[in-house]
């Protein structure tokens, strides 16, 4: 089992290296690159993108009244998302230490960079910041939840479930009691081995 897991993790690392190389290729094609987590856009590309920017006044005039009236409803959702962010971060900081699980790296999910695009106006940049935060937090919390589920209840549902996380397919079949306690321990070992493998190629991060 250990040899199979290590072989699988090695294959995953090779594929991720190939993916990184292809992403770097695409960045060059669009005139930007990454340096120490920062986006660097070529000056010629910045000038071309600024020429395509739609001003705030025109942007608002082109928007329907009903669309503008929905804005408070959209932005009000930031409050529960902020609370979810805080509670989930505290939860994993406390409980994952007890369970012996590595904490989810928040900055791998909550990323702010789209607002730096020169062709976006102030409202569009604000929208991008909001969407990046909201969707990033939801993905971050989903990862925390998936680790929790594999640790405590790695059993598939009897019914088909839409939008399952990446660990779900490896869960125990519904109703297959077998050697349940031993299978549960095996699921926990697999989770820890997976996270150890991920951390082996990812620099540690302070905080949650």
Protein backbone atom coordinates (compact mmCIF):
# COMPACT_ATOMS: atom_id res chain seq x y z
CA UNK A 1 0.00 0.00 0.00
CA UNK A 2 2.78 2.44 0.92
CA UNK A 3 4.71 1.71 -2.30
CA UNK A 4 1.56 2.20 -4.40
CA UNK A 5 0.83 5.51 -2.67
CA UNK A 6 4.38 6.79 -3.19
CA UNK A 7 4.29 5.76 -6.86
CA UNK A 8 0.97 7.58 -7.35
CA UNK A 9 2.29 10.72 -5.65
CA UNK A 10 5.41 10.63 -7.87
CA UNK A 11 3.24 10.45 -10.98
CA UNK A 12 1.13 13.35 -9.71
CA UNK A 13 4.28 15.46 -9.25
CA UNK A 14 5.40 14.74 -12.83
CA UNK A 15 1.99 15.76 -14.21
CA UNK A 16 1.97 18.93 -12.10
CA UNK A 17 5.42 19.85 -13.43
CA UNK A 18 4.13 19.42 -16.98
CA UNK A 19 1.09 21.56 -16.16
CA UNK A 20 3.30 24.32 -14.70
CA UNK A 21 5.40 24.33 -17.88
CA UNK A 22 2.31 24.66 -20.09
CA UNK A 23 0.89 27.46 -17.91
CA UNK A 24 4.19 29.34 -18.18
CA UNK A 25 3.95 28.97 -21.96
CA UNK A 26 0.45 30.48 -21.99
CA UNK A 27 1.59 33.38 -19.80
CA UNK A 28 4.33 34.24 -22.28
CA UNK A 29 1.82 34.09 -25.14
CA UNK A 30 -0.39 36.68 -23.37
CA UNK A 31 2.55 38.92 -22.48
CA UNK A 32 2.87 38.38 -18.75
CA UNK A 33 4.87 36.28 -16.30
CA UNK A 34 4.97 35.44 -12.62
CA UNK A 35 7.82 36.48 -10.32
CA UNK A 36 7.71 35.62 -6.62
CA UNK A 37 3.93 35.45 -6.69
CA UNK A 38 3.56 38.79 -8.51
CA UNK A 39 2.13 39.30 -11.99
CA UNK A 40 4.41 41.22 -14.36
CA UNK A 41 2.70 42.44 -17.55
CA UNK A 42 4.78 43.65 -20.50
CA UNK A 43 4.47 47.40 -21.17
CA UNK A 44 3.27 46.93 -24.74
CA UNK A 45 0.54 44.63 -23.47
CA UNK A 46 -0.46 47.11 -20.75
CA UNK A 47 -0.80 49.90 -23.32
CA UNK A 48 -2.93 47.73 -25.60
CA UNK A 49 -5.17 46.65 -22.73
CA UNK A 50 -5.65 50.21 -21.40
CA UNK A 51 -6.90 51.23 -24.83
CA UNK A 52 -9.69 48.65 -24.45
CA UNK A 53 -10.82 49.86 -21.02
CA UNK A 54 -14.45 50.95 -20.71
CA UNK A 55 -14.83 53.99 -18.44
CA UNK A 56 -16.97 53.83 -15.31
CA UNK A 57 -19.54 56.30 -16.68
CA UNK A 58 -20.07 54.37 -19.90
CA UNK A 59 -20.07 51.10 -17.97
CA UNK A 60 -22.91 52.32 -15.74
CA UNK A 61 -24.87 53.78 -18.64
CA UNK A 62 -24.65 50.48 -20.52
CA UNK A 63 -25.90 48.56 -17.46
CA UNK A 64 -29.61 48.04 -16.96
CA UNK A 65 -31.34 49.63 -13.95
CA UNK A 66 -32.34 46.20 -12.65
CA UNK A 67 -28.74 45.02 -12.80
CA UNK A 68 -27.61 48.03 -10.75
CA UNK A 69 -30.40 47.44 -8.21
CA UNK A 70 -29.17 43.89 -7.60
CA UNK A 71 -25.74 45.15 -6.43
CA UNK A 72 -26.68 45.49 -2.71
CA UNK A 73 -27.98 41.90 -2.69
CA UNK A 74 -24.76 40.64 -4.21
CA UNK A 75 -22.41 42.51 -1.88
CA UNK A 76 -24.46 41.75 1.24
CA UNK A 77 -23.37 38.11 0.87
CA UNK A 78 -19.82 39.15 1.79
CA UNK A 79 -20.86 39.25 5.46
CA UNK A 80 -21.73 35.53 5.85
CA UNK A 81 -18.73 34.63 3.67
CA UNK A 82 -16.45 36.63 5.96
CA UNK A 83 -17.89 34.84 9.00
CA UNK A 84 -17.50 31.47 7.26
CA UNK A 85 -13.88 32.34 6.48
CA UNK A 86 -13.16 33.19 10.12
CA UNK A 87 -14.97 30.21 11.65
CA UNK A 88 -13.50 27.68 9.20
CA UNK A 89 -9.98 29.04 9.79
CA UNK A 90 -10.37 28.80 13.56
CA UNK A 91 -11.89 25.32 13.25
CA UNK A 92 -9.04 23.83 11.24
CA UNK A 93 -6.43 25.65 13.31
CA UNK A 94 -7.73 23.95 16.45
CA UNK A 95 -9.16 20.61 15.28
CA UNK A 96 -6.71 19.65 12.54
CA UNK A 97 -3.87 19.92 15.05
CA UNK A 98 -5.71 17.44 17.26
CA UNK A 99 -6.42 15.07 14.33
CA UNK A 100 -2.83 15.26 13.09
CA UNK A 101 -3.93 16.74 9.73
CA UNK A 102 -2.11 19.47 7.87
CA UNK A 103 -4.07 22.70 7.64
CA UNK A 104 -5.37 23.94 4.31
CA UNK A 105 -3.22 26.72 2.84
CA UNK A 106 -5.68 29.58 2.57
CA UNK A 107 -3.61 31.61 0.14
CA UNK A 108 -3.70 28.73 -2.36
CA UNK A 109 -7.45 29.37 -2.71
CA UNK A 110 -7.97 33.06 -1.94
CA UNK A 111 -5.97 34.81 -4.65
CA UNK A 112 -6.18 38.47 -5.66
CA UNK A 113 -4.59 39.32 -9.00
CA UNK A 114 -7.30 39.96 -11.60
CA UNK A 115 -7.80 43.54 -10.39
CA UNK A 116 -4.33 44.34 -11.79
CA UNK A 117 -5.50 43.89 -15.40
CA UNK A 118 -5.21 47.30 -17.15
CA UNK A 119 -8.39 46.84 -19.23
CA UNK A 120 -10.66 46.76 -16.15
CA UNK A 121 -12.25 49.91 -14.75
CA UNK A 122 -12.69 50.62 -11.02
CA UNK A 123 -16.08 48.88 -10.72
CA UNK A 124 -14.90 45.82 -12.65
CA UNK A 125 -11.81 45.61 -10.44
CA UNK A 126 -13.99 45.77 -7.32
CA UNK A 127 -16.18 43.02 -8.75
CA UNK A 128 -13.11 40.89 -9.43
CA UNK A 129 -11.84 41.38 -5.88
CA UNK A 130 -15.23 40.40 -4.49
CA UNK A 131 -15.58 37.30 -6.70
CA UNK A 132 -12.01 36.22 -5.97
CA UNK A 133 -12.65 36.46 -2.24
CA UNK A 134 -16.09 34.82 -2.25
CA UNK A 135 -15.23 31.91 -4.55
CA UNK A 136 -11.79 31.52 -2.99
CA UNK A 137 -13.24 31.22 0.51
CA UNK A 138 -15.86 28.71 -0.65
CA UNK A 139 -13.18 26.57 -2.31
CA UNK A 140 -10.96 26.90 0.79
CA UNK A 141 -13.79 25.82 3.09
CA UNK A 142 -14.75 22.96 0.73
CA UNK A 143 -11.20 21.61 1.03
CA UNK A 144 -11.37 21.84 4.82
CA UNK A 145 -14.71 20.03 4.71
CA UNK A 146 -13.43 17.28 2.40
CA UNK A 147 -10.50 16.53 4.72
CA UNK A 148 -12.89 16.46 7.65
CA UNK A 149 -15.26 14.12 5.82
CA UNK A 150 -12.51 11.66 4.90
CA UNK A 151 -11.30 11.67 8.49
CA UNK A 152 -14.71 11.16 10.13
CA UNK A 153 -17.18 9.78 7.59
CA UNK A 154 -15.58 8.55 4.35
CA UNK A 155 -18.72 6.74 3.11
CA UNK A 156 -20.45 7.36 -0.23
CA UNK A 157 -24.13 8.29 -0.33
CA UNK A 158 -26.70 5.81 -1.58
CA UNK A 159 -27.96 8.41 -4.05
CA UNK A 160 -25.94 10.10 -6.77
CA UNK A 161 -24.54 13.40 -5.48
CA UNK A 162 -23.66 16.33 -7.74
CA UNK A 163 -20.49 18.33 -7.26
CA UNK A 164 -18.57 15.88 -5.09
CA UNK A 165 -15.02 16.76 -4.05
CA UNK A 166 -11.89 15.04 -5.35
CA UNK A 167 -11.66 12.57 -2.46
CA UNK A 168 -15.22 11.31 -2.68
CA UNK A 169 -14.61 8.58 -5.28
CA UNK A 170 -12.15 6.89 -2.93
CA UNK A 171 -14.66 6.65 -0.07
CA UNK A 172 -16.20 3.39 1.16
CA UNK A 173 -19.27 2.13 -0.66
CA UNK A 174 -22.65 2.74 0.96
CA UNK A 175 -23.72 -0.28 3.05
CA UNK A 176 -20.39 -2.11 2.69
CA UNK A 177 -19.84 -2.70 6.39
CA UNK A 178 -16.85 -5.04 5.89
CA UNK A 179 -14.14 -4.25 8.38
CA UNK A 180 -15.43 -0.74 8.89
CA UNK A 181 -13.19 0.32 11.78
CA UNK A 182 -10.07 -0.86 9.94
CA UNK A 183 -11.25 0.73 6.70
CA UNK A 184 -11.79 4.02 8.51
CA UNK A 185 -8.23 3.89 9.86
CA UNK A 186 -6.98 3.18 6.35
CA UNK A 187 -8.85 6.21 4.99
CA UNK A 188 -7.18 8.39 7.62
CA UNK A 189 -3.74 6.99 6.79
CA UNK A 190 -4.33 7.64 3.09
CA UNK A 191 -5.39 11.22 3.80
CA UNK A 192 -2.29 11.92 5.87
CA UNK A 193 -0.05 10.32 3.23
CA UNK A 194 -1.65 12.47 0.53
CA UNK A 195 -1.17 15.67 2.53
CA UNK A 196 2.42 14.74 3.39
CA UNK A 197 3.08 14.27 -0.32
CA UNK A 198 1.60 17.67 -1.14
CA UNK A 199 3.63 19.38 1.57
CA UNK A 200 6.82 17.79 0.28
CA UNK A 201 6.61 20.00 -2.82
CA UNK A 202 4.98 23.09 -1.25
CA UNK A 203 6.86 25.60 0.94
CA UNK A 204 5.35 25.96 4.44
CA UNK A 205 3.04 28.89 5.10
CA UNK A 206 2.57 30.72 8.34
CA UNK A 207 -0.94 31.23 9.68
CA UNK A 208 -4.07 29.45 8.46
